[in-house]
């Protein structure tokens, strides 16, 4: 039997930080105001670093940066072009929503892309997650087969091809409800498993190689017919 919902008065809701298991230290709004960082609406650049040294775990949210007037346009362009030529990004600080963030500035088209970076305590170390993965000495044949598959499916990055299947299904569900149609749950796909990775790779290679000779034989037949006609 479902439990009745419990409602809490707005006045009874407060802020707190966990200082132990089940222990919270309450903090009042006026106390938070005391440490409020003043927003200057400017980005202070502290240093420049090679972009290749930025750990992929740190970037968070991107923002476009453009000059607000003609006065600083030349200085903006000079900094943008200088760091682009040297393969660098600027590291600076900016206040967003009353909190100071570290931002990475990099050239983007005719402007700059400012990406907020996570602080070290917000980034998890990978070791606990990968500790149980053993090191493998993979057979050369397996690596060659895998490389062939990767090469055959390598394309240029095109985000316009991304499809949000959940959003598509949600729109269809709402359309069906609006039209009064019956909404049926999709059938679960039949489970399948790969017994042997090498067999799966060979099977994938087999599909590729069976397709290519067929196209070649068609061209040869066409060439033979043209020869007879001449």
C-alpha atoms as a PDB file:
ATOM      1  CA  UNK A   1       0.000   0.000   0.000  1.00  0.00           C
ATOM      2  CA  UNK A   2       1.574   3.317  -1.050  1.00  0.00           C
ATOM      3  CA  UNK A   3       2.609   5.710   1.690  1.00  0.00           C
ATOM      4  CA  UNK A   4       0.956   9.134   1.789  1.00  0.00           C
ATOM      5  CA  UNK A   5       3.089  12.026   0.499  1.00  0.00           C
ATOM      6  CA  UNK A   6       4.766  14.201   3.099  1.00  0.00           C
ATOM      7  CA  UNK A   7       4.873  17.948   2.553  1.00  0.00           C
ATOM      8  CA  UNK A   8       7.428  20.218   4.203  1.00  0.00           C
ATOM      9  CA  UNK A   9       6.838  23.907   4.786  1.00  0.00           C
ATOM     10  CA  UNK A  10       9.167  26.209   2.874  1.00  0.00           C
ATOM     11  CA  UNK A  11      10.260  27.801   6.152  1.00  0.00           C
ATOM     12  CA  UNK A  12      11.474  24.399   7.372  1.00  0.00           C
ATOM     13  CA  UNK A  13      13.836  23.899   4.418  1.00  0.00           C
ATOM     14  CA  UNK A  14      17.432  24.921   4.987  1.00  0.00           C
ATOM     15  CA  UNK A  15      20.947  24.420   3.677  1.00  0.00           C
ATOM     16  CA  UNK A  16      23.552  22.217   5.216  1.00  0.00           C
ATOM     17  CA  UNK A  17      26.850  20.466   4.533  1.00  0.00           C
ATOM     18  CA  UNK A  18      27.449  16.841   5.436  1.00  0.00           C
ATOM     19  CA  UNK A  19      30.292  16.615   7.959  1.00  0.00           C
ATOM     20  CA  UNK A  20      29.786  12.947   8.806  1.00  0.00           C
ATOM     21  CA  UNK A  21      27.471  10.071   8.083  1.00  0.00           C
ATOM     22  CA  UNK A  22      24.019  11.445   8.827  1.00  0.00           C
ATOM     23  CA  UNK A  23      25.486  14.627  10.349  1.00  0.00           C
ATOM     24  CA  UNK A  24      24.893  17.990   8.734  1.00  0.00           C
ATOM     25  CA  UNK A  25      26.100  21.464   9.610  1.00  0.00           C
ATOM     26  CA  UNK A  26      23.406  24.021   8.839  1.00  0.00           C
ATOM     27  CA  UNK A  27      24.297  27.248   7.037  1.00  0.00           C
ATOM     28  CA  UNK A  28      22.040  30.310   6.892  1.00  0.00           C
ATOM     29  CA  UNK A  29      21.530  32.534   3.854  1.00  0.00           C
ATOM     30  CA  UNK A  30      23.047  35.573   5.588  1.00  0.00           C
ATOM     31  CA  UNK A  31      26.178  33.523   6.327  1.00  0.00           C
ATOM     32  CA  UNK A  32      26.514  32.604   2.665  1.00  0.00           C
ATOM     33  CA  UNK A  33      26.157  36.262   1.744  1.00  0.00           C
ATOM     34  CA  UNK A  34      29.287  36.979   3.788  1.00  0.00           C
ATOM     35  CA  UNK A  35      31.407  34.898   1.379  1.00  0.00           C
ATOM     36  CA  UNK A  36      29.663  36.086  -1.760  1.00  0.00           C
ATOM     37  CA  UNK A  37      32.217  36.774  -4.503  1.00  0.00           C
ATOM     38  CA  UNK A  38      31.625  39.992  -6.364  1.00  0.00           C
ATOM     39  CA  UNK A  39      30.978  39.515 -10.077  1.00  0.00           C
ATOM     40  CA  UNK A  40      32.971  41.912 -12.234  1.00  0.00           C
ATOM     41  CA  UNK A  41      31.647  40.558 -15.561  1.00  0.00           C
ATOM     42  CA  UNK A  42      35.250  40.169 -16.694  1.00  0.00           C
ATOM     43  CA  UNK A  43      37.541  37.183 -17.149  1.00  0.00           C
ATOM     44  CA  UNK A  44      40.941  37.472 -15.526  1.00  0.00           C
ATOM     45  CA  UNK A  45      43.522  35.442 -17.457  1.00  0.00           C
ATOM     46  CA  UNK A  46      46.170  33.974 -15.162  1.00  0.00           C
ATOM     47  CA  UNK A  47      48.246  31.836 -17.531  1.00  0.00           C
ATOM     48  CA  UNK A  48      48.495  30.039 -20.865  1.00  0.00           C
ATOM     49  CA  UNK A  49      49.018  26.281 -21.223  1.00  0.00           C
ATOM     50  CA  UNK A  50      49.319  23.856 -24.172  1.00  0.00           C
ATOM     51  CA  UNK A  51      45.860  22.638 -25.110  1.00  0.00           C
ATOM     52  CA  UNK A  52      47.134  19.048 -25.355  1.00  0.00           C
ATOM     53  CA  UNK A  53      47.810  19.092 -21.600  1.00  0.00           C
ATOM     54  CA  UNK A  54      44.152  19.651 -20.655  1.00  0.00           C
ATOM     55  CA  UNK A  55      42.797  16.485 -19.044  1.00  0.00           C
ATOM     56  CA  UNK A  56      39.504  15.489 -20.718  1.00  0.00           C
ATOM     57  CA  UNK A  57      37.883  14.960 -17.313  1.00  0.00           C
ATOM     58  CA  UNK A  58      38.043  18.660 -16.411  1.00  0.00           C
ATOM     59  CA  UNK A  59      36.016  20.553 -19.096  1.00  0.00           C
ATOM     60  CA  UNK A  60      32.411  21.164 -18.036  1.00  0.00           C
ATOM     61  CA  UNK A  61      30.178  23.808 -19.686  1.00  0.00           C
ATOM     62  CA  UNK A  62      31.041  25.837 -22.817  1.00  0.00           C
ATOM     63  CA  UNK A  63      30.185  29.506 -23.451  1.00  0.00           C
ATOM     64  CA  UNK A  64      30.771  31.805 -26.428  1.00  0.00           C
ATOM     65  CA  UNK A  65      32.957  34.851 -25.766  1.00  0.00           C
ATOM     66  CA  UNK A  66      32.764  37.908 -28.034  1.00  0.00           C
ATOM     67  CA  UNK A  67      33.889  41.537 -27.597  1.00  0.00           C
ATOM     68  CA  UNK A  68      31.115  43.902 -26.525  1.00  0.00           C
ATOM     69  CA  UNK A  69      32.309  46.900 -28.505  1.00  0.00           C
ATOM     70  CA  UNK A  70      34.811  48.227 -31.020  1.00  0.00           C
ATOM     71  CA  UNK A  71      37.178  49.521 -28.311  1.00  0.00           C
ATOM     72  CA  UNK A  72      38.606  46.141 -27.328  1.00  0.00           C
ATOM     73  CA  UNK A  73      38.099  44.418 -30.662  1.00  0.00           C
ATOM     74  CA  UNK A  74      41.734  44.622 -31.763  1.00  0.00           C
ATOM     75  CA  UNK A  75      43.107  43.403 -28.419  1.00  0.00           C
ATOM     76  CA  UNK A  76      40.573  40.566 -28.474  1.00  0.00           C
ATOM     77  CA  UNK A  77      41.694  39.483 -31.964  1.00  0.00           C
ATOM     78  CA  UNK A  78      45.384  39.708 -31.054  1.00  0.00           C
ATOM     79  CA  UNK A  79      45.009  37.381 -28.048  1.00  0.00           C
ATOM     80  CA  UNK A  80      42.815  34.992 -30.022  1.00  0.00           C
ATOM     81  CA  UNK A  81      45.272  34.683 -32.906  1.00  0.00           C
ATOM     82  CA  UNK A  82      48.345  34.502 -30.670  1.00  0.00           C
ATOM     83  CA  UNK A  83      47.158  31.514 -28.648  1.00  0.00           C
ATOM     84  CA  UNK A  84      45.872  29.807 -31.797  1.00  0.00           C
ATOM     85  CA  UNK A  85      49.257  30.104 -33.507  1.00  0.00           C
ATOM     86  CA  UNK A  86      51.027  28.657 -30.462  1.00  0.00           C
ATOM     87  CA  UNK A  87      48.514  25.866 -29.750  1.00  0.00           C
ATOM     88  CA  UNK A  88      47.735  27.307 -26.332  1.00  0.00           C
ATOM     89  CA  UNK A  89      44.637  28.028 -24.274  1.00  0.00           C
ATOM     90  CA  UNK A  90      44.187  30.678 -21.636  1.00  0.00           C
ATOM     91  CA  UNK A  91      43.284  29.782 -18.073  1.00  0.00           C
ATOM     92  CA  UNK A  92      41.328  32.417 -16.202  1.00  0.00           C
ATOM     93  CA  UNK A  93      38.700  33.039 -13.559  1.00  0.00           C
ATOM     94  CA  UNK A  94      35.141  34.315 -13.799  1.00  0.00           C
ATOM     95  CA  UNK A  95      32.202  34.579 -11.389  1.00  0.00           C
ATOM     96  CA  UNK A  96      29.026  32.829 -12.524  1.00  0.00           C
ATOM     97  CA  UNK A  97      25.974  32.482 -10.278  1.00  0.00           C
ATOM     98  CA  UNK A  98      27.862  33.864  -7.252  1.00  0.00           C
ATOM     99  CA  UNK A  99      30.619  31.257  -7.594  1.00  0.00           C
ATOM    100  CA  UNK A 100      34.083  31.634  -9.046  1.00  0.00           C
ATOM    101  CA  UNK A 101      34.950  29.243 -11.858  1.00  0.00           C
ATOM    102  CA  UNK A 102      38.186  28.434 -13.623  1.00  0.00           C
ATOM    103  CA  UNK A 103      37.701  28.781 -17.370  1.00  0.00           C
ATOM    104  CA  UNK A 104      39.636  27.613 -20.394  1.00  0.00           C
ATOM    105  CA  UNK A 105      39.719  30.080 -23.293  1.00  0.00           C
ATOM    106  CA  UNK A 106      40.399  28.765 -26.780  1.00  0.00           C
ATOM    107  CA  UNK A 107      39.993  30.244 -30.279  1.00  0.00           C
ATOM    108  CA  UNK A 108      36.699  29.322 -31.900  1.00  0.00           C
ATOM    109  CA  UNK A 109      35.817  30.650 -35.350  1.00  0.00           C
ATOM    110  CA  UNK A 110      36.147  34.466 -35.048  1.00  0.00           C
ATOM    111  CA  UNK A 111      35.606  34.456 -31.294  1.00  0.00           C
ATOM    112  CA  UNK A 112      36.580  32.474 -28.234  1.00  0.00           C
ATOM    113  CA  UNK A 113      35.105  29.457 -26.526  1.00  0.00           C
ATOM    114  CA  UNK A 114      35.206  29.658 -22.734  1.00  0.00           C
ATOM    115  CA  UNK A 115      34.752  26.290 -21.038  1.00  0.00           C
ATOM    116  CA  UNK A 116      34.394  26.105 -17.279  1.00  0.00           C
ATOM    117  CA  UNK A 117      36.707  23.567 -15.680  1.00  0.00           C
ATOM    118  CA  UNK A 118      35.997  21.309 -12.741  1.00  0.00           C
ATOM    119  CA  UNK A 119      38.067  21.649  -9.589  1.00  0.00           C
ATOM    120  CA  UNK A 120      40.336  18.706  -8.691  1.00  0.00           C
ATOM    121  CA  UNK A 121      38.029  17.579  -5.870  1.00  0.00           C
ATOM    122  CA  UNK A 122      35.210  17.264  -8.432  1.00  0.00           C
ATOM    123  CA  UNK A 123      37.199  14.868 -10.629  1.00  0.00           C
ATOM    124  CA  UNK A 124      37.328  11.176  -9.792  1.00  0.00           C
ATOM    125  CA  UNK A 125      40.457   9.105 -10.108  1.00  0.00           C
ATOM    126  CA  UNK A 126      40.228   6.240 -12.589  1.00  0.00           C
ATOM    127  CA  UNK A 127      42.282   3.680 -10.654  1.00  0.00           C
ATOM    128  CA  UNK A 128      39.431   2.248  -8.494  1.00  0.00           C
ATOM    129  CA  UNK A 129      37.314   1.664 -11.606  1.00  0.00           C
ATOM    130  CA  UNK A 130      40.013   0.091 -13.782  1.00  0.00           C
ATOM    131  CA  UNK A 131      41.890  -1.874 -11.116  1.00  0.00           C
ATOM    132  CA  UNK A 132      40.218  -5.187 -12.012  1.00  0.00           C
ATOM    133  CA  UNK A 133      40.998  -4.924 -15.740  1.00  0.00           C
ATOM    134  CA  UNK A 134      43.997  -7.175 -16.442  1.00  0.00           C
ATOM    135  CA  UNK A 135      46.653  -6.485 -19.040  1.00  0.00           C
ATOM    136  CA  UNK A 136      46.258  -8.582 -22.182  1.00  0.00           C
ATOM    137  CA  UNK A 137      48.816  -9.695 -24.721  1.00  0.00           C
ATOM    138  CA  UNK A 138      46.520  -9.701 -27.724  1.00  0.00           C
ATOM    139  CA  UNK A 139      47.194 -11.953 -30.728  1.00  0.00           C
ATOM    140  CA  UNK A 140      48.470 -10.082 -33.781  1.00  0.00           C
ATOM    141  CA  UNK A 141      45.683 -11.562 -35.926  1.00  0.00           C
ATOM    142  CA  UNK A 142      43.025 -10.237 -33.588  1.00  0.00           C
ATOM    143  CA  UNK A 143      44.569  -6.767 -33.582  1.00  0.00           C
ATOM    144  CA  UNK A 144      44.789  -6.761 -37.389  1.00  0.00           C
ATOM    145  CA  UNK A 145      41.157  -7.808 -37.729  1.00  0.00           C
ATOM    146  CA  UNK A 146      40.036  -5.156 -35.247  1.00  0.00           C
ATOM    147  CA  UNK A 147      42.098  -2.502 -37.060  1.00  0.00           C
ATOM    148  CA  UNK A 148      40.434  -3.481 -40.344  1.00  0.00           C
ATOM    149  CA  UNK A 149      36.966  -3.083 -38.843  1.00  0.00           C
ATOM    150  CA  UNK A 150      37.867   0.284 -37.334  1.00  0.00           C
ATOM    151  CA  UNK A 151      39.265   1.488 -40.682  1.00  0.00           C
ATOM    152  CA  UNK A 152      36.147   0.373 -42.548  1.00  0.00           C
ATOM    153  CA  UNK A 153      33.893   2.354 -40.183  1.00  0.00           C
ATOM    154  CA  UNK A 154      36.044   5.485 -39.858  1.00  0.00           C
ATOM    155  CA  UNK A 155      34.220   8.637 -41.019  1.00  0.00           C
ATOM    156  CA  UNK A 156      34.405  12.388 -40.421  1.00  0.00           C
ATOM    157  CA  UNK A 157      32.733  13.791 -37.306  1.00  0.00           C
ATOM    158  CA  UNK A 158      29.215  14.976 -38.196  1.00  0.00           C
ATOM    159  CA  UNK A 159      26.974  15.770 -35.186  1.00  0.00           C
ATOM    160  CA  UNK A 160      24.018  16.416 -37.516  1.00  0.00           C
ATOM    161  CA  UNK A 161      23.757  12.626 -37.786  1.00  0.00           C
ATOM    162  CA  UNK A 162      23.159  12.250 -34.020  1.00  0.00           C
ATOM    163  CA  UNK A 163      19.650  11.011 -33.249  1.00  0.00           C
ATOM    164  CA  UNK A 164      18.076  11.448 -29.828  1.00  0.00           C
ATOM    165  CA  UNK A 165      16.006   8.264 -29.822  1.00  0.00           C
ATOM    166  CA  UNK A 166      14.460   9.048 -26.432  1.00  0.00           C
ATOM    167  CA  UNK A 167      13.278  12.469 -27.611  1.00  0.00           C
ATOM    168  CA  UNK A 168      11.890  10.917 -30.796  1.00  0.00           C
ATOM    169  CA  UNK A 169      10.012   8.271 -28.811  1.00  0.00           C
ATOM    170  CA  UNK A 170       8.698  10.894 -26.382  1.00  0.00           C
ATOM    171  CA  UNK A 171       7.330  13.051 -29.210  1.00  0.00           C
ATOM    172  CA  UNK A 172       5.664  10.001 -30.752  1.00  0.00           C
ATOM    173  CA  UNK A 173       4.127   9.084 -27.386  1.00  0.00           C
ATOM    174  CA  UNK A 174       2.690  12.594 -26.930  1.00  0.00           C
ATOM    175  CA  UNK A 175       1.387  12.615 -30.498  1.00  0.00           C
ATOM    176  CA  UNK A 176      -0.304   9.252 -29.959  1.00  0.00           C
ATOM    177  CA  UNK A 177      -1.926  10.447 -26.734  1.00  0.00           C
ATOM    178  CA  UNK A 178      -3.143  13.615 -28.415  1.00  0.00           C
ATOM    179  CA  UNK A 179      -4.698  11.606 -31.248  1.00  0.00           C
ATOM    180  CA  UNK A 180      -6.232   9.054 -28.881  1.00  0.00           C
ATOM    181  CA  UNK A 181      -4.243   6.158 -30.281  1.00  0.00           C
ATOM    182  CA  UNK A 182      -3.327   3.125 -28.196  1.00  0.00           C
ATOM    183  CA  UNK A 183       0.220   3.273 -26.870  1.00  0.00           C
ATOM    184  CA  UNK A 184       1.953  -0.089 -26.998  1.00  0.00           C
ATOM    185  CA  UNK A 185       5.201  -0.935 -25.275  1.00  0.00           C
ATOM    186  CA  UNK A 186       7.975  -1.914 -27.710  1.00  0.00           C
ATOM    187  CA  UNK A 187       9.034  -5.532 -27.831  1.00  0.00           C
ATOM    188  CA  UNK A 188      12.222  -6.423 -26.018  1.00  0.00           C
ATOM    189  CA  UNK A 189      15.004  -7.359 -28.458  1.00  0.00           C
ATOM    190  CA  UNK A 190      16.108 -10.959 -28.362  1.00  0.00           C
ATOM    191  CA  UNK A 191      19.252 -11.329 -26.238  1.00  0.00           C
ATOM    192  CA  UNK A 192      22.411 -12.355 -28.028  1.00  0.00           C
ATOM    193  CA  UNK A 193      25.925 -12.899 -26.889  1.00  0.00           C
ATOM    194  CA  UNK A 194      29.281 -13.296 -28.563  1.00  0.00           C
ATOM    195  CA  UNK A 195      31.008 -16.501 -27.525  1.00  0.00           C
ATOM    196  CA  UNK A 196      34.368 -15.793 -29.110  1.00  0.00           C
ATOM    197  CA  UNK A 197      35.655 -12.341 -30.029  1.00  0.00           C
ATOM    198  CA  UNK A 198      37.957 -13.705 -32.727  1.00  0.00           C
ATOM    199  CA  UNK A 199      35.037 -15.522 -34.399  1.00  0.00           C
ATOM    200  CA  UNK A 200      32.991 -12.323 -34.276  1.00  0.00           C
ATOM    201  CA  UNK A 201      35.809 -10.348 -35.888  1.00  0.00           C
ATOM    202  CA  UNK A 202      36.281 -12.952 -38.601  1.00  0.00           C
ATOM    203  CA  UNK A 203      32.528 -12.960 -39.258  1.00  0.00           C
ATOM    204  CA  UNK A 204      32.555  -9.181 -39.606  1.00  0.00           C
ATOM    205  CA  UNK A 205      35.499  -9.373 -42.012  1.00  0.00           C
ATOM    206  CA  UNK A 206      33.662 -12.069 -43.968  1.00  0.00           C
ATOM    207  CA  UNK A 207      30.663  -9.812 -44.490  1.00  0.00           C
ATOM    208  CA  UNK A 208      32.913  -7.039 -45.781  1.00  0.00           C
ATOM    209  CA  UNK A 209      34.874  -9.269 -48.150  1.00  0.00           C
ATOM    210  CA  UNK A 210      31.741 -10.947 -49.538  1.00  0.00           C
ATOM    211  CA  UNK A 211      30.348  -7.565 -50.518  1.00  0.00           C
ATOM    212  CA  UNK A 212      33.442  -6.339 -52.382  1.00  0.00           C
ATOM    213  CA  UNK A 213      33.979  -9.282 -54.827  1.00  0.00           C
ATOM    214  CA  UNK A 214      30.325  -9.077 -55.869  1.00  0.00           C
ATOM    215  CA  UNK A 215      30.776  -5.483 -56.997  1.00  0.00           C
ATOM    216  CA  UNK A 216      34.032  -6.382 -58.803  1.00  0.00           C
ATOM    217  CA  UNK A 217      32.472  -9.326 -60.657  1.00  0.00           C
ATOM    218  CA  UNK A 218      29.675  -7.071 -61.896  1.00  0.00           C
ATOM    219  CA  UNK A 219      32.207  -4.693 -63.374  1.00  0.00           C
ATOM    220  CA  UNK A 220      34.021  -7.560 -65.097  1.00  0.00           C
ATOM    221  CA  UNK A 221      30.792  -8.850 -66.655  1.00  0.00           C
ATOM    222  CA  UNK A 222      30.016  -5.357 -67.898  1.00  0.00           C
ATOM    223  CA  UNK A 223      33.486  -5.067 -69.433  1.00  0.00           C
ATOM    224  CA  UNK A 224      33.128  -8.461 -71.157  1.00  0.00           C
ATOM    225  CA  UNK A 225      29.840  -7.454 -72.755  1.00  0.00           C
ATOM    226  CA  UNK A 226      31.294  -4.238 -74.082  1.00  0.00           C
ATOM    227  CA  UNK A 227      34.175  -6.197 -75.626  1.00  0.00           C
ATOM    228  CA  UNK A 228      31.816  -8.545 -77.458  1.00  0.00           C
ATOM    229  CA  UNK A 229      29.788  -5.659 -78.854  1.00  0.00           C
ATOM    230  CA  UNK A 230      32.846  -3.996 -80.305  1.00  0.00           C
END
